[in-house]
Amino acid sequence: MLARKIGELMLSRKAHDVTILDLRKLSSAADFFVLCSADSDTQVKAIADAVRDGMEERGEAPWHSEGFQALSWVVVDFVDVVAHVFHRESRSFYNLERLWHDAPRIELRDEEPSPAQRPAAKARVKKTATARPRTGRKRSASSQE
């Protein structure tokens, strides 16, 4: 599925909150929107470039792109699937998920857990010498003094 591949390309550049909205029953404008968030202008550009370049390698050239100047919201349009790469604040402001609240959603997650999600490393237990059990021998009279 083209939308899933775009989402995977977004995740390859550490995109956050990657969501696929299925618009097939709601709109003729596109079948799917793939949305993600980034923390900086540099990351917005890196994600959008990864989507554009990765899809071109698969023989899927974008029909239209825009937003590469401001880098707060970059749209890469593949006709049936439209990729939206948002700066975190812009995504919150435009809130496409609320606009398309009727659309079924698929949340994509990175395969590798974040450091916060990884289980804590088990502490190594240092083995110490244990005291020898007493053998039950009686002390001699000289050692009892």
Protein backbone atom coordinates (compact mmCIF):
# COMPACT_ATOMS: atom_id res chain seq x y z
CA MET A 1 0.00 0.00 0.00
CA LEU A 2 1.40 3.38 -1.06
CA ALA A 3 0.21 5.20 2.07
CA ARG A 4 1.95 2.71 4.37
CA LYS A 5 5.22 3.02 2.43
CA ILE A 6 5.05 6.81 2.75
CA GLY A 7 4.47 6.42 6.49
CA GLU A 8 7.49 4.12 6.76
CA LEU A 9 9.63 6.67 4.92
CA MET A 10 8.48 9.30 7.41
CA LEU A 11 9.40 7.06 10.32
CA SER A 12 12.84 6.50 8.78
CA ARG A 13 13.53 10.18 9.55
CA LYS A 14 12.15 9.96 13.10
CA ALA A 15 8.75 11.54 12.37
CA HIS A 16 6.27 11.65 15.26
CA ASP A 17 2.60 10.69 15.33
CA VAL A 18 2.45 9.15 11.87
CA THR A 19 -1.22 8.69 10.99
CA ILE A 20 -2.94 7.43 7.86
CA LEU A 21 -6.45 8.77 7.26
CA ASP A 22 -8.60 6.65 4.94
CA LEU A 23 -10.68 9.14 2.91
CA ARG A 24 -12.00 6.74 0.27
CA LYS A 25 -15.60 6.89 1.52
CA LEU A 26 -15.46 10.59 2.41
CA SER A 27 -13.79 12.48 -0.42
CA SER A 28 -12.84 12.27 -4.07
CA ALA A 29 -9.86 14.58 -3.51
CA ALA A 30 -7.60 11.73 -2.35
CA ASP A 31 -7.85 8.19 -1.07
CA PHE A 32 -5.45 8.66 1.84
CA PHE A 33 -3.75 11.42 3.80
CA VAL A 34 -0.54 10.47 5.60
CA LEU A 35 0.27 12.92 8.38
CA CYS A 36 3.30 13.30 10.59
CA SER A 37 4.94 15.81 12.91
CA ALA A 38 8.52 17.03 13.17
CA ASP A 39 10.36 18.99 15.84
CA SER A 40 12.27 21.44 13.62
CA ASP A 41 12.38 22.98 10.16
CA THR A 42 15.38 20.81 9.38
CA GLN A 43 13.48 17.66 10.31
CA VAL A 44 10.42 18.76 8.28
CA LYS A 45 12.64 19.09 5.21
CA ALA A 46 14.45 15.80 5.88
CA ILE A 47 11.15 13.90 6.19
CA ALA A 48 9.63 15.50 3.09
CA ASP A 49 12.82 14.82 1.10
CA ALA A 50 12.83 11.19 2.28
CA VAL A 51 9.22 10.76 1.13
CA ARG A 52 9.84 12.39 -2.25
CA ASP A 53 13.14 10.59 -2.91
CA GLY A 54 11.98 7.22 -1.56
CA MET A 55 8.85 7.23 -3.69
CA GLU A 56 10.78 8.32 -6.80
CA GLU A 57 13.06 5.30 -6.28
CA ARG A 58 9.91 3.16 -6.46
CA GLY A 59 8.86 4.89 -9.69
CA GLU A 60 6.22 7.09 -7.98
CA ALA A 61 6.98 10.72 -8.80
CA PRO A 62 4.94 13.34 -6.92
CA TRP A 63 2.34 15.21 -8.93
CA HIS A 64 2.80 18.36 -6.83
CA SER A 65 4.76 19.57 -3.80
CA GLU A 66 4.58 22.76 -1.79
CA GLY A 67 5.71 24.26 1.49
CA PHE A 68 9.45 23.72 1.07
CA GLN A 69 10.09 27.46 1.53
CA ALA A 70 8.41 27.97 4.92
CA LEU A 71 8.86 24.38 6.22
CA SER A 72 5.96 24.58 8.65
CA TRP A 73 3.70 22.35 6.51
CA VAL A 74 5.03 20.50 3.48
CA VAL A 75 2.59 18.72 1.19
CA VAL A 76 3.78 16.03 -1.23
CA ASP A 77 0.88 15.01 -3.46
CA PHE A 78 0.90 11.61 -5.18
CA VAL A 79 -2.73 12.11 -6.40
CA ASP A 80 -4.32 9.16 -4.54
CA VAL A 81 -2.15 9.65 -1.47
CA VAL A 82 -1.15 13.03 -0.05
CA ALA A 83 1.70 13.27 2.46
CA HIS A 84 1.51 16.08 5.03
CA VAL A 85 4.68 16.83 6.98
CA PHE A 86 3.95 19.31 9.75
CA HIS A 87 6.06 21.23 12.18
CA ARG A 88 4.54 20.20 15.53
CA GLU A 89 2.86 23.58 16.19
CA SER A 90 1.41 23.77 12.67
CA ARG A 91 -0.15 20.34 12.95
CA SER A 92 -1.86 21.35 16.16
CA PHE A 93 -3.10 24.60 14.59
CA TYR A 94 -4.49 23.10 11.35
CA ASN A 95 -5.71 19.90 13.06
CA LEU A 96 -6.58 17.85 9.97
CA GLU A 97 -7.53 14.93 12.19
CA ARG A 98 -10.41 16.99 13.58
CA LEU A 99 -11.44 18.17 10.11
CA TRP A 100 -11.50 14.53 8.88
CA HIS A 101 -12.72 13.05 12.18
CA ASP A 102 -14.99 10.58 10.32
CA ALA A 103 -12.05 8.99 8.52
CA PRO A 104 -10.78 5.61 9.72
CA ARG A 105 -7.22 5.93 11.05
CA ILE A 106 -4.13 3.82 11.16
CA GLU A 107 -1.39 4.84 13.58
CA LEU A 108 2.10 3.80 12.48
CA ARG A 109 4.81 3.21 15.04
CA ASP A 110 8.52 2.79 14.65
CA GLU A 111 9.63 -0.83 15.11
CA GLU A 112 12.45 0.17 17.45
CA PRO A 113 11.18 1.29 20.86
CA SER A 114 12.26 4.69 22.12
CA PRO A 115 14.63 4.83 25.11
CA ALA A 116 11.65 5.56 27.36
CA GLN A 117 9.85 2.44 26.10
CA ARG A 118 12.80 0.07 26.43
CA PRO A 119 12.77 -2.14 29.51
CA ALA A 120 15.19 -1.06 32.18
CA ALA A 121 18.49 -2.88 32.10
CA LYS A 122 18.67 -5.54 34.74
CA ALA A 123 21.12 -4.75 37.45
CA ARG A 124 23.95 -7.19 37.69
CA VAL A 125 23.96 -9.12 40.88
CA LYS A 126 27.41 -9.34 42.31
CA LYS A 127 27.95 -12.67 43.94
CA THR A 128 29.68 -12.43 47.24
CA ALA A 129 31.36 -15.18 49.18
CA THR A 130 29.02 -16.69 51.69
CA ALA A 131 30.08 -17.64 55.18
CA ARG A 132 30.94 -21.29 55.58
CA PRO A 133 28.44 -23.22 57.56
CA ARG A 134 29.62 -24.38 60.95
CA THR A 135 30.57 -27.99 61.07
CA GLY A 136 29.48 -28.59 64.62
CA ARG A 137 32.99 -29.16 65.93
CA LYS A 138 33.50 -28.35 69.57
CA ARG A 139 36.12 -25.86 70.47
CA SER A 140 39.01 -27.06 72.38
CA ALA A 141 39.33 -26.07 76.00
CA SER A 142 42.20 -23.68 75.19
CA SER A 143 40.19 -21.74 72.61
CA GLN A 144 37.28 -21.30 75.02
CA GLU A 145 39.27 -19.16 77.40
